[in-house]
Amino acid sequence: MFEVAPHFAGIRQLLSITRVYTYLYISNQQYTCILIKKGDTVQELNEVFESTARYFSVLGEPTRLKILHVICHKEKCVNDIIRATGLLQANVSRHLGLMYQAGLLSKRRDGTQIFYRVAEPLFVELCRSISVQFGSRMHARKQGDIHAFA
């Protein structure tokens, strides 16, 4: 099994806290969170859920995860991303545009080149954490561990 890096423990804790607060909201119709304060309306809570769902839908495409992997440590220009992923320019540009519109990426222009970088380190950490978990499960399944998905 793969070890989960210590800095991923914070994400796991955040996800656990989020689940607890979501459960408390559903069961008691009261909620407390860093981003959601007591007294916020149901509409405000729905906006948070909708924004979260948008991020996950953008991250739900393998091509976008490949692009995120390429730029997770350092900003890169479109040509570097194309070379690293082996994807066509039109495809890369389309995915970069969607990720930028969703707020996952930021960009800067330097002459004729456009450089993209991850807007929030949390996005990279979240993707890494989930990928490590799936990689660990796949490895365990290949090793014959029948409890890998339990």
N, C-alpha and C. Protein backbone atom coordinates (compact mmCIF):
# COMPACT_ATOMS: atom_id res chain seq x y z
N MET A 1 0.84 -1.19 0.00
CA MET A 1 0.00 0.00 0.00
C MET A 1 0.88 1.24 0.00
N PHE A 2 0.40 2.29 -0.64
CA PHE A 2 1.11 3.56 -0.67
C PHE A 2 0.85 4.32 0.62
N GLU A 3 1.85 5.06 1.05
CA GLU A 3 1.68 5.95 2.21
C GLU A 3 1.08 7.26 1.75
N VAL A 4 0.18 7.81 2.52
CA VAL A 4 -0.37 9.13 2.21
C VAL A 4 0.52 10.16 2.86
N ALA A 5 1.00 11.12 2.06
CA ALA A 5 1.91 12.16 2.57
C ALA A 5 1.24 12.93 3.70
N PRO A 6 2.02 13.39 4.69
CA PRO A 6 1.44 14.09 5.85
C PRO A 6 0.60 15.29 5.48
N HIS A 7 0.97 16.03 4.42
CA HIS A 7 0.20 17.23 4.10
C HIS A 7 -1.17 16.88 3.53
N PHE A 8 -1.39 15.62 3.16
CA PHE A 8 -2.71 15.22 2.69
C PHE A 8 -3.65 14.95 3.86
N ALA A 9 -3.09 14.78 5.03
CA ALA A 9 -3.93 14.53 6.21
C ALA A 9 -4.87 15.70 6.45
N GLY A 10 -4.42 16.92 6.16
CA GLY A 10 -5.26 18.10 6.32
C GLY A 10 -6.47 18.05 5.41
N ILE A 11 -6.28 17.58 4.18
CA ILE A 11 -7.40 17.46 3.25
C ILE A 11 -8.38 16.42 3.75
N ARG A 12 -7.85 15.28 4.21
CA ARG A 12 -8.72 14.23 4.74
C ARG A 12 -9.53 14.76 5.92
N GLN A 13 -8.88 15.54 6.79
CA GLN A 13 -9.56 16.12 7.93
C GLN A 13 -10.63 17.10 7.48
N LEU A 14 -10.30 17.94 6.47
CA LEU A 14 -11.26 18.90 5.95
C LEU A 14 -12.47 18.19 5.37
N LEU A 15 -12.23 17.11 4.61
CA LEU A 15 -13.34 16.36 4.04
C LEU A 15 -14.20 15.72 5.14
N SER A 16 -13.56 15.21 6.18
CA SER A 16 -14.30 14.63 7.30
C SER A 16 -15.14 15.68 8.00
N ILE A 17 -14.55 16.84 8.22
CA ILE A 17 -15.29 17.92 8.87
C ILE A 17 -16.47 18.33 8.01
N THR A 18 -16.25 18.44 6.70
CA THR A 18 -17.32 18.82 5.79
C THR A 18 -18.46 17.82 5.86
N ARG A 19 -18.13 16.53 5.89
CA ARG A 19 -19.18 15.50 6.00
C ARG A 19 -19.96 15.64 7.29
N VAL A 20 -19.24 15.90 8.39
CA VAL A 20 -19.91 16.05 9.69
C VAL A 20 -20.85 17.24 9.66
N TYR A 21 -20.38 18.38 9.16
CA TYR A 21 -21.22 19.57 9.13
C TYR A 21 -22.39 19.41 8.16
N THR A 22 -22.17 18.73 7.06
CA THR A 22 -23.28 18.48 6.14
C THR A 22 -24.31 17.61 6.83
N TYR A 23 -23.86 16.58 7.55
CA TYR A 23 -24.78 15.72 8.28
C TYR A 23 -25.54 16.52 9.33
N LEU A 24 -24.81 17.37 10.06
CA LEU A 24 -25.48 18.18 11.09
C LEU A 24 -26.53 19.09 10.46
N TYR A 25 -26.22 19.66 9.32
CA TYR A 25 -27.19 20.53 8.65
C TYR A 25 -28.43 19.73 8.25
N ILE A 26 -28.19 18.58 7.67
CA ILE A 26 -29.32 17.77 7.21
C ILE A 26 -30.16 17.29 8.40
N SER A 27 -29.50 16.85 9.47
CA SER A 27 -30.25 16.29 10.59
C SER A 27 -30.84 17.36 11.50
N ASN A 28 -30.13 18.44 11.72
CA ASN A 28 -30.60 19.46 12.66
C ASN A 28 -31.00 20.76 11.99
N GLN A 29 -30.74 20.86 10.69
CA GLN A 29 -30.94 22.10 9.94
C GLN A 29 -30.19 23.26 10.58
N GLN A 30 -29.04 22.93 11.14
CA GLN A 30 -28.12 23.93 11.66
C GLN A 30 -26.75 23.57 11.13
N TYR A 31 -25.95 24.54 10.86
CA TYR A 31 -24.62 24.26 10.34
C TYR A 31 -23.64 25.31 10.79
N THR A 32 -22.39 24.87 10.91
CA THR A 32 -21.30 25.75 11.25
C THR A 32 -20.11 25.31 10.43
N CYS A 33 -19.43 26.23 9.85
CA CYS A 33 -18.26 25.92 9.04
C CYS A 33 -17.47 27.20 8.87
N ILE A 34 -16.25 27.09 8.41
CA ILE A 34 -15.44 28.28 8.18
C ILE A 34 -16.09 29.16 7.12
N LEU A 35 -16.58 28.54 6.06
CA LEU A 35 -17.15 29.30 4.95
C LEU A 35 -18.63 29.59 5.13
N ILE A 36 -19.30 28.78 5.92
CA ILE A 36 -20.74 28.90 6.09
C ILE A 36 -21.00 29.20 7.56
N LYS A 37 -21.54 30.34 7.84
CA LYS A 37 -21.75 30.77 9.22
C LYS A 37 -23.20 30.51 9.63
N LYS A 38 -23.39 30.31 10.92
CA LYS A 38 -24.74 30.18 11.44
C LYS A 38 -25.53 31.42 11.07
N GLY A 39 -26.74 31.24 10.63
CA GLY A 39 -27.55 32.37 10.23
C GLY A 39 -27.58 32.58 8.72
N ASP A 40 -26.65 31.93 7.99
CA ASP A 40 -26.71 32.00 6.53
C ASP A 40 -27.99 31.32 6.06
N THR A 41 -28.47 31.74 4.93
CA THR A 41 -29.72 31.18 4.42
C THR A 41 -29.46 29.88 3.68
N VAL A 42 -30.52 29.13 3.45
CA VAL A 42 -30.43 27.90 2.67
C VAL A 42 -29.93 28.22 1.27
N GLN A 43 -30.33 29.37 0.74
CA GLN A 43 -29.86 29.78 -0.59
C GLN A 43 -28.33 29.93 -0.60
N GLU A 44 -27.77 30.52 0.45
CA GLU A 44 -26.32 30.67 0.51
C GLU A 44 -25.63 29.31 0.60
N LEU A 45 -26.21 28.40 1.34
CA LEU A 45 -25.67 27.05 1.42
C LEU A 45 -25.75 26.37 0.06
N ASN A 46 -26.86 26.54 -0.64
CA ASN A 46 -27.00 25.95 -1.97
C ASN A 46 -25.96 26.50 -2.93
N GLU A 47 -25.64 27.78 -2.82
CA GLU A 47 -24.61 28.38 -3.68
C GLU A 47 -23.25 27.73 -3.44
N VAL A 48 -22.95 27.44 -2.18
CA VAL A 48 -21.69 26.76 -1.85
C VAL A 48 -21.67 25.38 -2.48
N PHE A 49 -22.77 24.63 -2.36
CA PHE A 49 -22.83 23.30 -2.94
C PHE A 49 -22.73 23.35 -4.46
N GLU A 50 -23.37 24.32 -5.09
CA GLU A 50 -23.31 24.45 -6.54
C GLU A 50 -21.89 24.77 -7.01
N SER A 51 -21.22 25.66 -6.30
CA SER A 51 -19.83 25.98 -6.65
C SER A 51 -18.94 24.76 -6.50
N THR A 52 -19.13 24.02 -5.43
CA THR A 52 -18.34 22.81 -5.20
C THR A 52 -18.59 21.80 -6.31
N ALA A 53 -19.83 21.62 -6.69
CA ALA A 53 -20.17 20.68 -7.76
C ALA A 53 -19.53 21.09 -9.08
N ARG A 54 -19.47 22.39 -9.36
CA ARG A 54 -18.82 22.88 -10.59
C ARG A 54 -17.34 22.50 -10.60
N TYR A 55 -16.66 22.68 -9.47
CA TYR A 55 -15.25 22.32 -9.41
C TYR A 55 -15.07 20.83 -9.67
N PHE A 56 -15.89 20.00 -9.01
CA PHE A 56 -15.75 18.56 -9.20
C PHE A 56 -16.10 18.14 -10.62
N SER A 57 -17.05 18.81 -11.26
CA SER A 57 -17.39 18.44 -12.63
C SER A 57 -16.24 18.79 -13.57
N VAL A 58 -15.55 19.88 -13.31
CA VAL A 58 -14.39 20.25 -14.13
C VAL A 58 -13.27 19.23 -13.91
N LEU A 59 -13.09 18.79 -12.70
CA LEU A 59 -12.03 17.83 -12.38
C LEU A 59 -12.41 16.41 -12.78
N GLY A 60 -13.64 16.19 -13.20
CA GLY A 60 -14.11 14.86 -13.56
C GLY A 60 -13.71 14.41 -14.95
N GLU A 61 -12.86 15.13 -15.63
CA GLU A 61 -12.41 14.80 -16.99
C GLU A 61 -10.93 14.42 -16.93
N PRO A 62 -10.56 13.20 -17.35
CA PRO A 62 -9.16 12.77 -17.28
C PRO A 62 -8.18 13.70 -17.99
N THR A 63 -8.58 14.28 -19.11
CA THR A 63 -7.69 15.19 -19.83
C THR A 63 -7.34 16.39 -18.96
N ARG A 64 -8.30 16.89 -18.22
CA ARG A 64 -8.04 18.05 -17.36
C ARG A 64 -7.14 17.67 -16.20
N LEU A 65 -7.27 16.45 -15.71
CA LEU A 65 -6.38 15.98 -14.65
C LEU A 65 -4.95 15.86 -15.17
N LYS A 66 -4.79 15.43 -16.42
CA LYS A 66 -3.45 15.37 -17.03
C LYS A 66 -2.85 16.77 -17.10
N ILE A 67 -3.65 17.72 -17.54
CA ILE A 67 -3.17 19.10 -17.64
C ILE A 67 -2.81 19.63 -16.26
N LEU A 68 -3.65 19.37 -15.28
CA LEU A 68 -3.38 19.80 -13.91
C LEU A 68 -2.08 19.19 -13.41
N HIS A 69 -1.86 17.93 -13.74
CA HIS A 69 -0.63 17.25 -13.33
C HIS A 69 0.60 17.94 -13.92
N VAL A 70 0.50 18.40 -15.16
CA VAL A 70 1.63 19.04 -15.83
C VAL A 70 1.96 20.39 -15.20
N ILE A 71 0.96 21.12 -14.76
CA ILE A 71 1.21 22.47 -14.25
C ILE A 71 1.11 22.57 -12.73
N CYS A 72 1.06 21.44 -12.05
CA CYS A 72 0.83 21.51 -10.60
C CYS A 72 1.98 22.15 -9.84
N HIS A 73 3.20 22.06 -10.32
CA HIS A 73 4.34 22.62 -9.59
C HIS A 73 4.81 23.96 -10.13
N LYS A 74 4.55 24.19 -11.41
CA LYS A 74 5.11 25.38 -12.04
C LYS A 74 4.24 25.78 -13.21
N GLU A 75 4.06 27.07 -13.38
CA GLU A 75 3.28 27.52 -14.53
C GLU A 75 3.97 27.10 -15.82
N LYS A 76 3.14 26.86 -16.83
CA LYS A 76 3.67 26.43 -18.12
C LYS A 76 2.89 27.13 -19.22
N CYS A 77 3.57 27.33 -20.36
CA CYS A 77 2.88 27.89 -21.52
C CYS A 77 2.12 26.78 -22.23
N VAL A 78 1.22 27.16 -23.09
CA VAL A 78 0.37 26.20 -23.78
C VAL A 78 1.21 25.18 -24.55
N ASN A 79 2.27 25.63 -25.24
CA ASN A 79 3.10 24.71 -26.00
C ASN A 79 3.76 23.66 -25.11
N ASP A 80 4.20 24.05 -23.92
CA ASP A 80 4.80 23.09 -22.98
C ASP A 80 3.76 22.07 -22.53
N ILE A 81 2.55 22.53 -22.31
CA ILE A 81 1.47 21.63 -21.88
C ILE A 81 1.15 20.63 -23.00
N ILE A 82 1.12 21.11 -24.24
CA ILE A 82 0.85 20.23 -25.39
C ILE A 82 1.94 19.17 -25.48
N ARG A 83 3.20 19.57 -25.37
CA ARG A 83 4.31 18.61 -25.45
C ARG A 83 4.24 17.58 -24.32
N ALA A 84 3.94 18.03 -23.13
CA ALA A 84 3.92 17.13 -21.97
C ALA A 84 2.76 16.15 -22.00
N THR A 85 1.62 16.57 -22.54
CA THR A 85 0.44 15.70 -22.54
C THR A 85 0.29 14.89 -23.82
N GLY A 86 0.88 15.38 -24.91
CA GLY A 86 0.71 14.70 -26.19
C GLY A 86 -0.65 14.94 -26.82
N LEU A 87 -1.37 15.92 -26.32
CA LEU A 87 -2.71 16.24 -26.83
C LEU A 87 -2.62 17.29 -27.93
N LEU A 88 -3.67 17.39 -28.71
CA LEU A 88 -3.74 18.38 -29.77
C LEU A 88 -3.95 19.78 -29.18
N GLN A 89 -3.45 20.79 -29.89
CA GLN A 89 -3.52 22.17 -29.41
C GLN A 89 -4.95 22.61 -29.16
N ALA A 90 -5.86 22.30 -30.07
CA ALA A 90 -7.26 22.72 -29.91
C ALA A 90 -7.88 22.09 -28.66
N ASN A 91 -7.55 20.84 -28.42
CA ASN A 91 -8.08 20.13 -27.25
C ASN A 91 -7.54 20.74 -25.95
N VAL A 92 -6.24 20.99 -25.92
CA VAL A 92 -5.61 21.59 -24.73
C VAL A 92 -6.20 22.98 -24.48
N SER A 93 -6.31 23.78 -25.52
CA SER A 93 -6.84 25.13 -25.36
C SER A 93 -8.27 25.12 -24.84
N ARG A 94 -9.07 24.20 -25.34
CA ARG A 94 -10.47 24.11 -24.89
C ARG A 94 -10.52 23.76 -23.40
N HIS A 95 -9.74 22.77 -22.99
CA HIS A 95 -9.75 22.37 -21.58
C HIS A 95 -9.17 23.45 -20.68
N LEU A 96 -8.11 24.11 -21.13
CA LEU A 96 -7.55 25.21 -20.35
C LEU A 96 -8.57 26.32 -20.17
N GLY A 97 -9.32 26.62 -21.22
CA GLY A 97 -10.35 27.65 -21.14
C GLY A 97 -11.43 27.30 -20.13
N LEU A 98 -11.86 26.05 -20.14
CA LEU A 98 -12.88 25.61 -19.18
C LEU A 98 -12.35 25.68 -17.74
N MET A 99 -11.12 25.24 -17.56
CA MET A 99 -10.54 25.26 -16.22
C MET A 99 -10.32 26.69 -15.73
N TYR A 100 -9.95 27.57 -16.64
CA TYR A 100 -9.76 28.97 -16.29
C TYR A 100 -11.11 29.61 -15.91
N GLN A 101 -12.14 29.36 -16.72
CA GLN A 101 -13.47 29.91 -16.44
C GLN A 101 -14.02 29.42 -15.10
N ALA A 102 -13.69 28.17 -14.74
CA ALA A 102 -14.16 27.61 -13.48
C ALA A 102 -13.36 28.12 -12.28
N GLY A 103 -12.26 28.82 -12.54
CA GLY A 103 -11.47 29.36 -11.45
C GLY A 103 -10.38 28.45 -10.94
N LEU A 104 -10.16 27.31 -11.61
CA LEU A 104 -9.10 26.41 -11.18
C LEU A 104 -7.72 26.91 -11.59
N LEU A 105 -7.65 27.64 -12.68
CA LEU A 105 -6.38 28.13 -13.20
C LEU A 105 -6.37 29.64 -13.26
N SER A 106 -5.18 30.19 -13.21
CA SER A 106 -4.99 31.60 -13.52
C SER A 106 -4.01 31.64 -14.69
N LYS A 107 -3.95 32.77 -15.38
CA LYS A 107 -3.06 32.86 -16.53
C LYS A 107 -2.45 34.24 -16.61
N ARG A 108 -1.35 34.29 -17.35
CA ARG A 108 -0.69 35.56 -17.62
C ARG A 108 -0.13 35.50 -19.03
N ARG A 109 -0.09 36.63 -19.66
CA ARG A 109 0.44 36.73 -21.02
C ARG A 109 1.84 37.32 -20.96
N ASP A 110 2.74 36.70 -21.72
CA ASP A 110 4.09 37.21 -21.87
C ASP A 110 4.39 37.22 -23.36
N GLY A 111 4.19 38.36 -23.99
CA GLY A 111 4.33 38.45 -25.45
C GLY A 111 3.21 37.68 -26.12
N THR A 112 3.58 36.70 -26.92
CA THR A 112 2.56 35.89 -27.60
C THR A 112 2.21 34.64 -26.82
N GLN A 113 2.95 34.36 -25.77
CA GLN A 113 2.73 33.15 -24.97
C GLN A 113 1.74 33.42 -23.83
N ILE A 114 0.90 32.43 -23.55
CA ILE A 114 0.02 32.49 -22.38
C ILE A 114 0.49 31.39 -21.43
N PHE A 115 0.73 31.78 -20.19
CA PHE A 115 1.19 30.84 -19.17
C PHE A 115 0.04 30.57 -18.20
N TYR A 116 -0.16 29.30 -17.89
CA TYR A 116 -1.21 28.88 -16.97
C TYR A 116 -0.58 28.31 -15.71
N ARG A 117 -1.24 28.56 -14.59
CA ARG A 117 -0.83 27.97 -13.30
C ARG A 117 -2.08 27.65 -12.51
N VAL A 118 -1.92 26.79 -11.53
CA VAL A 118 -3.04 26.42 -10.67
C VAL A 118 -3.36 27.60 -9.77
N ALA A 119 -4.63 27.97 -9.72
CA ALA A 119 -5.05 29.15 -8.96
C ALA A 119 -4.99 28.90 -7.46
N GLU A 120 -5.31 27.71 -7.02
CA GLU A 120 -5.34 27.38 -5.59
C GLU A 120 -4.61 26.06 -5.36
N PRO A 121 -3.61 26.03 -4.49
CA PRO A 121 -2.92 24.77 -4.20
C PRO A 121 -3.85 23.67 -3.70
N LEU A 122 -4.97 24.03 -3.11
CA LEU A 122 -5.93 23.04 -2.61
C LEU A 122 -6.40 22.12 -3.73
N PHE A 123 -6.56 22.65 -4.96
CA PHE A 123 -7.01 21.83 -6.08
C PHE A 123 -6.02 20.72 -6.37
N VAL A 124 -4.74 21.06 -6.35
CA VAL A 124 -3.70 20.06 -6.61
C VAL A 124 -3.68 19.03 -5.48
N GLU A 125 -3.75 19.50 -4.24
CA GLU A 125 -3.72 18.58 -3.10
C GLU A 125 -4.92 17.64 -3.11
N LEU A 126 -6.08 18.16 -3.45
CA LEU A 126 -7.28 17.34 -3.51
C LEU A 126 -7.14 16.26 -4.58
N CYS A 127 -6.68 16.64 -5.77
CA CYS A 127 -6.49 15.67 -6.85
C CYS A 127 -5.45 14.62 -6.48
N ARG A 128 -4.35 15.07 -5.87
CA ARG A 128 -3.30 14.12 -5.46
C ARG A 128 -3.83 13.15 -4.42
N SER A 129 -4.56 13.65 -3.45
CA SER A 129 -5.08 12.80 -2.39
C SER A 129 -5.99 11.72 -2.97
N ILE A 130 -6.89 12.11 -3.84
CA ILE A 130 -7.81 11.15 -4.43
C ILE A 130 -7.05 10.18 -5.33
N SER A 131 -6.09 10.67 -6.12
CA SER A 131 -5.32 9.81 -7.00
C SER A 131 -4.50 8.80 -6.21
N VAL A 132 -3.92 9.23 -5.09
CA VAL A 132 -3.16 8.31 -4.25
C VAL A 132 -4.08 7.21 -3.72
N GLN A 133 -5.28 7.57 -3.30
CA GLN A 133 -6.22 6.58 -2.80
C GLN A 133 -6.58 5.56 -3.87
N PHE A 134 -6.91 6.03 -5.08
CA PHE A 134 -7.26 5.12 -6.16
C PHE A 134 -6.06 4.29 -6.60
N GLY A 135 -4.89 4.92 -6.64
CA GLY A 135 -3.67 4.17 -6.99
C GLY A 135 -3.39 3.07 -5.99
N SER A 136 -3.59 3.38 -4.72
CA SER A 136 -3.39 2.39 -3.66
C SER A 136 -4.37 1.24 -3.81
N ARG A 137 -5.62 1.56 -4.09
CA ARG A 137 -6.63 0.52 -4.26
C ARG A 137 -6.34 -0.34 -5.49
N MET A 138 -5.92 0.29 -6.58
CA MET A 138 -5.59 -0.47 -7.79
C MET A 138 -4.41 -1.41 -7.53
N HIS A 139 -3.40 -0.91 -6.83
CA HIS A 139 -2.24 -1.72 -6.50
C HIS A 139 -2.65 -2.91 -5.63
N ALA A 140 -3.47 -2.66 -4.63
CA ALA A 140 -3.93 -3.73 -3.74
C ALA A 140 -4.74 -4.77 -4.52
N ARG A 141 -5.57 -4.31 -5.44
CA ARG A 141 -6.38 -5.24 -6.23
C ARG A 141 -5.48 -6.11 -7.10
N LYS A 142 -4.43 -5.51 -7.69
CA LYS A 142 -3.50 -6.28 -8.52
C LYS A 142 -2.73 -7.30 -7.69
N GLN A 143 -2.52 -6.98 -6.40
CA GLN A 143 -1.81 -7.89 -5.50
C GLN A 143 -2.73 -8.97 -4.95
N GLY A 144 -4.02 -8.91 -5.28
CA GLY A 144 -4.96 -9.93 -4.84
C GLY A 144 -5.63 -9.65 -3.52
N ASP A 145 -5.52 -8.43 -3.01
CA ASP A 145 -6.18 -8.07 -1.76
C ASP A 145 -7.67 -7.84 -2.05
N ILE A 146 -8.51 -8.79 -1.66
CA ILE A 146 -9.93 -8.70 -1.98
C ILE A 146 -10.63 -7.60 -1.18
N HIS A 147 -9.98 -7.09 -0.15
CA HIS A 147 -10.58 -6.06 0.68
C HIS A 147 -10.17 -4.66 0.23
N ALA A 148 -9.58 -4.54 -0.94
CA ALA A 148 -9.04 -3.27 -1.40
C ALA A 148 -10.12 -2.19 -1.55
N PHE A 149 -11.35 -2.60 -1.80
CA PHE A 149 -12.42 -1.61 -1.99
C PHE A 149 -13.41 -1.60 -0.85
N ALA A 150 -13.06 -2.23 0.25
CA ALA A 150 -13.96 -2.26 1.40
C ALA A 150 -13.90 -0.97 2.16
